[in-house]
Amino acid sequence: QVQLVESGGGLVQPGGSLRLSCAASGIIFRLDEMGWYRQAPGKERELVARSSSGGATEYGVSAKGRFTISGDFAKNKVTLEMNSLEPEDTAVYYCYQDDYLRAMRYWGKGTLVTVSS
């Protein structure tokens, strides 16, 4: 059974930085994409960033220029470096990993990021 575990969330002041990590346990036969979504209270889940096994990356509008995703497809790990954090970045951040061939998406349980003074 595959499990994704996020770490690195917490409380940070506006303008600060955090680094989120996500690691998979269990066997993933094929890994095509890894990424992060977030969900703020009262809002829909939104894409933060994603990375494909082919090397492409994509960022949500709110993340561009401030966040950096790094995917290690050999180790089934993905990190998200977040800089210049704003209170609007407060949310639960969820990582995911995709197997396109089997149409499988694995989700972590989420890690809370709170940006507040």
C-alpha atoms as a PDB file:
ATOM      1  CA  GLN A   1       0.000   0.000   0.000  1.00  0.00           C
ATOM      2  CA  VAL A   2       1.390   3.376  -1.001  1.00  0.00           C
ATOM      3  CA  GLN A   3       1.477   6.187   1.533  1.00  0.00           C
ATOM      4  CA  LEU A   4       2.683   9.735   1.017  1.00  0.00           C
ATOM      5  CA  VAL A   5       3.863  11.646   4.048  1.00  0.00           C
ATOM      6  CA  GLU A   6       4.351  15.402   4.038  1.00  0.00           C
ATOM      7  CA  SER A   7       6.568  17.297   6.453  1.00  0.00           C
ATOM      8  CA  GLY A   8       7.849  20.816   6.984  1.00  0.00           C
ATOM      9  CA  GLY A   9       4.658  22.726   7.627  1.00  0.00           C
ATOM     10  CA  GLY A  10       4.251  25.124  10.497  1.00  0.00           C
ATOM     11  CA  LEU A  11       3.915  28.729  11.527  1.00  0.00           C
ATOM     12  CA  VAL A  12       5.983  31.359   9.755  1.00  0.00           C
ATOM     13  CA  GLN A  13       5.930  35.141   9.708  1.00  0.00           C
ATOM     14  CA  PRO A  14       5.053  37.075   6.567  1.00  0.00           C
ATOM     15  CA  GLY A  15       8.082  37.312   4.316  1.00  0.00           C
ATOM     16  CA  GLY A  16       9.528  34.105   5.697  1.00  0.00           C
ATOM     17  CA  SER A  17      10.326  30.781   4.073  1.00  0.00           C
ATOM     18  CA  LEU A  18       9.407  27.145   4.518  1.00  0.00           C
ATOM     19  CA  ARG A  19      10.452  23.940   2.858  1.00  0.00           C
ATOM     20  CA  LEU A  20       7.893  21.178   2.457  1.00  0.00           C
ATOM     21  CA  SER A  21       8.876  17.604   1.746  1.00  0.00           C
ATOM     22  CA  CYS A  22       6.900  14.584   0.638  1.00  0.00           C
ATOM     23  CA  ALA A  23       8.120  11.015   0.609  1.00  0.00           C
ATOM     24  CA  ALA A  24       6.387   7.845  -0.504  1.00  0.00           C
ATOM     25  CA  SER A  25       6.433   4.506   1.228  1.00  0.00           C
ATOM     26  CA  GLY A  26       5.343   1.309  -0.452  1.00  0.00           C
ATOM     27  CA  ILE A  27       5.785   0.383  -4.078  1.00  0.00           C
ATOM     28  CA  ILE A  28       4.912   2.765  -6.875  1.00  0.00           C
ATOM     29  CA  PHE A  29       5.498   0.899 -10.103  1.00  0.00           C
ATOM     30  CA  ARG A  30       5.528   3.947 -12.272  1.00  0.00           C
ATOM     31  CA  LEU A  31       5.877   7.620 -11.425  1.00  0.00           C
ATOM     32  CA  ASP A  32       5.039  10.199 -14.051  1.00  0.00           C
ATOM     33  CA  GLU A  33       4.226  13.321 -12.088  1.00  0.00           C
ATOM     34  CA  MET A  34       4.555  14.726  -8.578  1.00  0.00           C
ATOM     35  CA  GLY A  35       3.240  17.929  -7.172  1.00  0.00           C
ATOM     36  CA  TRP A  36       1.488  19.993  -4.562  1.00  0.00           C
ATOM     37  CA  TYR A  37      -2.007  21.351  -4.105  1.00  0.00           C
ATOM     38  CA  ARG A  38      -3.249  23.516  -1.294  1.00  0.00           C
ATOM     39  CA  GLN A  39      -6.609  24.260   0.242  1.00  0.00           C
ATOM     40  CA  ALA A  40      -7.330  27.332   2.310  1.00  0.00           C
ATOM     41  CA  PRO A  41     -10.343  27.525   4.637  1.00  0.00           C
ATOM     42  CA  GLY A  42     -13.501  28.073   2.643  1.00  0.00           C
ATOM     43  CA  LYS A  43     -11.730  27.767  -0.695  1.00  0.00           C
ATOM     44  CA  GLU A  44     -11.327  25.094  -3.323  1.00  0.00           C
ATOM     45  CA  ARG A  45      -8.182  23.050  -3.622  1.00  0.00           C
ATOM     46  CA  GLU A  46      -5.767  24.669  -6.064  1.00  0.00           C
ATOM     47  CA  LEU A  47      -2.620  23.590  -7.833  1.00  0.00           C
ATOM     48  CA  VAL A  48       0.565  25.022  -6.366  1.00  0.00           C
ATOM     49  CA  ALA A  49       3.200  23.310  -8.491  1.00  0.00           C
ATOM     50  CA  ARG A  50       3.878  20.091 -10.351  1.00  0.00           C
ATOM     51  CA  SER A  51       6.863  18.338 -11.863  1.00  0.00           C
ATOM     52  CA  SER A  52       6.874  15.666 -14.562  1.00  0.00           C
ATOM     53  CA  SER A  53       9.324  12.836 -15.058  1.00  0.00           C
ATOM     54  CA  GLY A  54      10.242  14.481 -18.364  1.00  0.00           C
ATOM     55  CA  GLY A  55      11.568  17.518 -16.524  1.00  0.00           C
ATOM     56  CA  ALA A  56       8.717  19.945 -17.047  1.00  0.00           C
ATOM     57  CA  THR A  57       7.426  22.042 -14.181  1.00  0.00           C
ATOM     58  CA  GLU A  58       4.311  24.133 -13.826  1.00  0.00           C
ATOM     59  CA  TYR A  59       3.297  26.618 -11.167  1.00  0.00           C
ATOM     60  CA  GLY A  60       0.019  28.045 -10.070  1.00  0.00           C
ATOM     61  CA  VAL A  61      -0.387  31.787 -10.417  1.00  0.00           C
ATOM     62  CA  SER A  62       0.113  32.412  -6.715  1.00  0.00           C
ATOM     63  CA  ALA A  63       3.328  30.400  -6.610  1.00  0.00           C
ATOM     64  CA  LYS A  64       5.167  31.799  -9.599  1.00  0.00           C
ATOM     65  CA  GLY A  65       8.397  33.541  -8.718  1.00  0.00           C
ATOM     66  CA  ARG A  66       8.195  32.603  -5.041  1.00  0.00           C
ATOM     67  CA  PHE A  67       7.991  28.797  -4.868  1.00  0.00           C
ATOM     68  CA  THR A  68      10.262  26.143  -6.362  1.00  0.00           C
ATOM     69  CA  ILE A  69       9.385  22.481  -6.815  1.00  0.00           C
ATOM     70  CA  SER A  70      12.015  19.768  -6.962  1.00  0.00           C
ATOM     71  CA  GLY A  71      11.164  16.186  -7.824  1.00  0.00           C
ATOM     72  CA  ASP A  72      13.417  13.205  -7.236  1.00  0.00           C
ATOM     73  CA  PHE A  73      11.731  10.540  -9.327  1.00  0.00           C
ATOM     74  CA  ALA A  74      14.273   7.892  -8.431  1.00  0.00           C
ATOM     75  CA  LYS A  75      13.455   8.264  -4.736  1.00  0.00           C
ATOM     76  CA  ASN A  76       9.756   9.155  -5.050  1.00  0.00           C
ATOM     77  CA  LYS A  77      10.339  12.407  -3.180  1.00  0.00           C
ATOM     78  CA  VAL A  78       9.214  15.930  -3.912  1.00  0.00           C
ATOM     79  CA  THR A  79      10.004  19.179  -2.144  1.00  0.00           C
ATOM     80  CA  LEU A  80       8.523  22.636  -2.293  1.00  0.00           C
ATOM     81  CA  GLU A  81      10.631  25.628  -1.371  1.00  0.00           C
ATOM     82  CA  MET A  82       8.405  28.546  -0.437  1.00  0.00           C
ATOM     83  CA  ASN A  83       9.783  32.058  -0.106  1.00  0.00           C
ATOM     84  CA  SER A  84       8.274  35.474   0.530  1.00  0.00           C
ATOM     85  CA  LEU A  85       5.306  33.867   2.199  1.00  0.00           C
ATOM     86  CA  GLU A  86       2.149  35.881   2.633  1.00  0.00           C
ATOM     87  CA  PRO A  87      -0.862  35.396   4.896  1.00  0.00           C
ATOM     88  CA  GLU A  88      -2.771  34.374   1.758  1.00  0.00           C
ATOM     89  CA  ASP A  89      -0.511  31.319   1.526  1.00  0.00           C
ATOM     90  CA  THR A  90      -2.046  29.928   4.699  1.00  0.00           C
ATOM     91  CA  ALA A  91      -3.516  26.557   3.781  1.00  0.00           C
ATOM     92  CA  VAL A  92      -3.193  22.830   4.096  1.00  0.00           C
ATOM     93  CA  TYR A  93      -0.677  21.660   1.514  1.00  0.00           C
ATOM     94  CA  TYR A  94      -1.137  18.238  -0.049  1.00  0.00           C
ATOM     95  CA  CYS A  95       1.397  16.347  -2.117  1.00  0.00           C
ATOM     96  CA  TYR A  96       0.465  13.825  -4.773  1.00  0.00           C
ATOM     97  CA  GLN A  97       2.148  11.372  -7.093  1.00  0.00           C
ATOM     98  CA  ASP A  98       0.726  10.105 -10.385  1.00  0.00           C
ATOM     99  CA  ASP A  99       1.017   6.882 -12.309  1.00  0.00           C
ATOM    100  CA  TYR A 100      -0.431   7.729 -15.718  1.00  0.00           C
ATOM    101  CA  LEU A 101      -0.385   4.160 -17.022  1.00  0.00           C
ATOM    102  CA  ARG A 102      -2.559   2.858 -14.195  1.00  0.00           C
ATOM    103  CA  ALA A 103      -4.483   6.118 -13.851  1.00  0.00           C
ATOM    104  CA  MET A 104      -3.533   6.217 -10.178  1.00  0.00           C
ATOM    105  CA  ARG A 105      -3.078   9.342  -8.055  1.00  0.00           C
ATOM    106  CA  TYR A 106      -1.740   8.965  -4.541  1.00  0.00           C
ATOM    107  CA  TRP A 107      -2.342  11.705  -1.990  1.00  0.00           C
ATOM    108  CA  GLY A 108      -0.727  12.663   1.256  1.00  0.00           C
ATOM    109  CA  LYS A 109      -2.816  13.678   4.246  1.00  0.00           C
ATOM    110  CA  GLY A 110      -1.625  17.258   4.146  1.00  0.00           C
ATOM    111  CA  THR A 111       0.526  19.577   6.196  1.00  0.00           C
ATOM    112  CA  LEU A 112      -0.659  22.910   7.563  1.00  0.00           C
ATOM    113  CA  VAL A 113       1.175  26.103   6.685  1.00  0.00           C
ATOM    114  CA  THR A 114       0.202  29.191   8.634  1.00  0.00           C
ATOM    115  CA  VAL A 115       1.606  32.577   7.694  1.00  0.00           C
ATOM    116  CA  SER A 116       0.963  35.079  10.441  1.00  0.00           C
ATOM    117  CA  SER A 117       2.699  37.660  12.555  1.00  0.00           C
END
